[in-house]
Amino acid sequence: MASNWTAFVAAQVLTAAQLNGVVDNFQDIAIFNETQATNTAGGASTAVTWSKRTLNTTIVNNIGATLTTSVIALVAGTYTVEAISPFLAPAELGLRLRNTTDSTTAIQGVNNFFNQTGVVGGYAQLQGYFTITGTKNFELQYYAAQNRATDGLGRAVNATGVSEIYSSIKITRIA
């Protein structure tokens, strides 16, 4: 059976080319969340328009991204992205990653539907990849068919001493 391990000799000086693909890619990710205080709901949802989700907490950022007022700035490169956001009674629902610099959608998430007559909640998700040739600004945006005051963007769990986490996005730079 072929081995995926690379053998190095003690005291050997390694070049970047030798380490390419060997070193853990952990340094190539950024994770941003919406974090609120215990017993704080995600906020009111706005219907029939694409609206920005809040991102206010950096968990890790080793790709040189910046997060300012829920806008993520990324430098040139190729990226994979995974994001998830909770909703309560939105009826029809969508999630996208919007390149606001170029007014284009970088990734469109899967569509979802939640019964609007009952108080039913769930998640919108997206995953995909894109390449940009210069620094661009991105927003995680949602579309809901129904307004819901206070907790349309997520209901608080109210676990004592635990922050409320709503939207989360993981960005991996692959090239």
Foldseek 3Di string as FASTA:
>chain_A
DDDPDDDDDPPDDDDPVRCVVPDDQPLFKWKWWDWAAFQAAQFKDDADDKDFGATDDTPDHNQPWDADRQKIKHFFAKKKKKKKFKFWLLAKKWKFKAFVVVRHTFWTWDIDGDHNVDGDMDMTMTIDMDGDHGITIITIIMHGHDIDGRHRRHGGPNDPPDIGIGMMMMMGGDD
